[in-house]
């Protein structure tokens, strides 16, 4: 068994050496250098901010569209239309139902959005889908059923709410992701998980990983030591943040207060780190609201920080039993 692990490790690393050197730049430059070439930003809108997502070199809108949304195809089509209007250029769909719905909502406009997907019910967190063969079958199923030829990012859903997979399972997952990339079914590859330390291990051990997806709320902060963000920067891996509104626990029954809290949350997340939030947005009004947040001042003043602190305490007190694990993400 030990020899098998060494062999697979070498195989995965050798494959990564080639992959790591072929990223195509989009004209983005670091601070102090030439400005970004906006002509190469998908669905560019001057009122939206865009951030480079690691080694993908994709310039992605500062706020994206999460898949968890209480909307049917007709409602989702309106939401997607508004997102396109304001310059959002990325959708993350986690379940097969979300992928099928969002593909229909994007019909005729696929060139306006990056579409990331996961078939979470038939991926690595399901013990029946922990081999490369089964994972690739799952990808083929969701692509076929949604009418998509490829995904811009296949991000395999891993253990939830916590825990880590075996090394062999991780190797199988990476093998499936790399195969999909070589076959042209996934432009970029990654995974999502709710275990911070496992993220760090995976992106340091497998340089094939382009992006990761993990929880980041208004209670989350960069860890002072051993932070995920240090590893992300070192390995040049893009990051998307789920649950920016703490699974809805940040909100009350007051609509206007909810809009304000949502904007405070987006501003806090964008100011505090490089992760791009992907909130589930249930209406056109909520799309407009996050766009407003992007345009607002990043740093919260004393009054706003106090308001967010009150909201955080209420959110933590209102977390449902099945979301208590979010409290483990106060240090990232």
Foldseek 3Di string as FASTA:
>chain_A
DVVVLVVLLVVLVVVLVVVLPPADAQQPDDPPDDHRPQVSAFLDDPLWAWDQFFSNNHTFTLAAAEQPAPDALVQVLQQVVLCSVLRGAEYEHEALVSLLSVLSSCVPPNSRHQYEYENAVQFAQPVVHLALVSRLVSLVVSCVNNVHQAHQEYAYEHDPPDDDDDSSSLSRVSVNQVVCCVVVRYVAYHYEYNYFVNLLVSCVSRLSHAEYEYADELLAAAAPPPGSQVSCVVSRHGYAHECHCLVVQLDDPDPVLRLLLVLLSSLSVVVHHRHRYHYHDHHSVSSVSNSVSSNDDRDDDPVSVVVNVVSVVSSQVPRDPSRVSVVVRSYD
